[in-house]
Amino acid sequence: LCTRGTPCDPRCQDCPGNSTSSPISCYVIGDRVNVITACVPFGTPSTGTGGLGSSCRYIDDCQPGYGCFGGVCRQFCDIPGTSTCDYVSCPSGAGTCTPLATDPPWSEMGVCLP
C-alpha cells in the first residue's frame, strides 16, 4: 500500500496531528540522490526499540527524530546555520552531521553518521 505523505522537516518533526498518544513522525525516504520526506505514523519497531543505535528494517522502525540508515536508527541533525527550527546537533558518540543529499534543500539537512 502506497500513500502520499505530507512533506515535512525531519529535524523539526513538524507533522500535523502529532501527539504522544498517537505519534506521527517525519521520515526521509530515498537515497542520497532521490530524497523526499513524509509524515507517517510511528509503528511498532520490527526490531529493537527505535531509539538511537537500535537496529531497523523500515523507516517507521525508528522513533520520531531518527531515521533508518544502514540498518541502524540514527538521529537527524542540522548542517549549521540552515534550520528553521531549534538547532539539532549530533549527540556525543553518534558521529558527524552528514548531509542527506547533495542538492538543496536536502544538503541543508543531515543525519548523524559515524
Protein backbone atom coordinates (compact mmCIF):
# COMPACT_ATOMS: atom_id res chain seq x y z
CA LEU A 1 0.00 0.00 0.00
CA CYS A 2 1.46 3.35 -1.01
CA THR A 3 0.10 6.66 0.20
CA ARG A 4 1.21 10.22 -0.44
CA GLY A 5 2.70 11.71 2.72
CA THR A 6 2.73 15.29 3.91
CA PRO A 7 6.10 16.99 3.22
CA CYS A 8 7.89 17.79 6.47
CA ASP A 9 11.24 18.61 8.09
CA PRO A 10 12.82 15.63 9.90
CA ARG A 11 14.79 17.99 12.15
CA CYS A 12 11.70 19.89 13.35
CA GLN A 13 9.29 16.92 13.40
CA ASP A 14 6.59 19.31 12.17
CA CYS A 15 3.92 16.80 11.16
CA PRO A 16 0.32 17.92 11.71
CA GLY A 17 -1.69 15.84 14.18
CA ASN A 18 1.36 14.56 16.10
CA SER A 19 0.69 13.65 19.75
CA THR A 20 2.23 11.46 22.44
CA SER A 21 -0.64 9.00 22.31
CA SER A 22 -0.52 8.79 18.51
CA PRO A 23 2.98 9.78 17.31
CA ILE A 24 3.40 10.81 13.69
CA SER A 25 6.98 11.16 12.58
CA CYS A 26 8.66 12.92 9.69
CA TYR A 27 10.71 10.30 7.87
CA VAL A 28 13.18 10.55 5.00
CA ILE A 29 12.53 8.24 2.07
CA GLY A 30 15.09 7.61 -0.65
CA ASP A 31 18.81 7.64 -1.15
CA ARG A 32 21.38 10.44 -1.35
CA VAL A 33 20.17 11.40 -4.84
CA ASN A 34 16.38 10.94 -4.74
CA VAL A 35 15.02 12.17 -1.41
CA ILE A 36 11.52 13.00 -0.17
CA THR A 37 10.03 13.37 3.28
CA ALA A 38 6.68 12.15 4.56
CA CYS A 39 4.63 12.20 7.75
CA VAL A 40 4.00 8.59 8.73
CA PRO A 41 2.61 7.11 11.99
CA PHE A 42 5.37 5.67 14.16
CA GLY A 43 4.75 1.92 14.19
CA THR A 44 5.86 -0.87 16.45
CA PRO A 45 9.53 -1.46 15.62
CA SER A 46 10.14 -4.75 13.82
CA THR A 47 13.46 -4.97 15.69
CA GLY A 48 14.90 -3.05 18.65
CA THR A 49 13.36 -0.06 20.43
CA GLY A 50 13.51 2.53 17.66
CA GLY A 51 15.93 4.72 19.62
CA LEU A 52 19.44 5.89 18.77
CA GLY A 53 21.57 2.94 17.63
CA SER A 54 18.67 0.49 17.56
CA SER A 55 18.51 -1.93 14.64
CA CYS A 56 15.84 -1.24 12.00
CA ARG A 57 14.48 -2.59 8.72
CA TYR A 58 11.84 0.00 7.79
CA ILE A 59 11.62 3.79 8.07
CA ASP A 60 8.91 3.62 10.75
CA ASP A 61 11.02 1.30 12.93
CA CYS A 62 12.74 4.42 14.29
CA GLN A 63 11.28 6.87 16.81
CA PRO A 64 10.43 10.44 15.74
CA GLY A 65 13.65 12.38 15.12
CA TYR A 66 15.52 9.29 13.90
CA GLY A 67 15.84 7.59 10.53
CA CYS A 68 16.85 4.10 9.44
CA PHE A 69 20.24 4.32 7.72
CA GLY A 70 22.28 1.18 7.07
CA GLY A 71 20.02 -0.90 9.33
CA VAL A 72 20.54 1.41 12.34
CA CYS A 73 18.34 4.20 13.79
CA ARG A 74 20.34 7.43 13.51
CA GLN A 75 19.41 10.95 14.59
CA PHE A 76 18.55 13.71 12.11
CA CYS A 77 20.62 16.86 12.57
CA ASP A 78 21.25 20.37 11.25
CA ILE A 79 24.00 21.45 8.94
CA PRO A 80 25.00 24.57 10.96
CA GLY A 81 23.03 27.70 10.15
CA THR A 82 20.37 26.10 7.93
CA SER A 83 17.45 25.07 10.16
CA THR A 84 14.20 26.93 10.64
CA CYS A 85 13.56 25.08 13.91
CA ASP A 86 15.65 24.64 17.06
CA TYR A 87 19.21 23.59 16.26
CA VAL A 88 19.70 19.81 16.45
CA SER A 89 23.26 18.54 16.79
CA CYS A 90 24.64 15.01 16.94
CA PRO A 91 24.84 13.55 20.45
CA SER A 92 28.27 12.67 21.77
CA GLY A 93 29.48 9.44 20.16
CA ALA A 94 26.73 9.45 17.47
CA GLY A 95 29.01 10.65 14.67
CA THR A 96 29.10 13.69 12.42
CA CYS A 97 26.19 15.53 10.85
CA THR A 98 26.33 14.42 7.18
CA PRO A 99 24.06 16.00 4.52
CA LEU A 100 21.14 13.81 3.40
CA ALA A 101 21.87 14.57 -0.25
CA THR A 102 23.93 16.83 -2.48
CA ASP A 103 21.23 19.31 -3.60
CA PRO A 104 19.23 21.87 -1.57
CA PRO A 105 17.13 21.64 0.46
CA TRP A 106 18.43 18.16 1.35
CA SER A 107 22.05 19.34 1.55
CA GLU A 108 20.91 21.57 4.43
CA MET A 109 19.55 18.63 6.46
CA GLY A 110 21.68 15.88 7.88
CA VAL A 111 21.88 12.59 9.68
CA CYS A 112 24.46 11.63 12.33
CA LEU A 113 26.79 9.07 10.74
CA PRO A 114 29.97 7.52 12.19
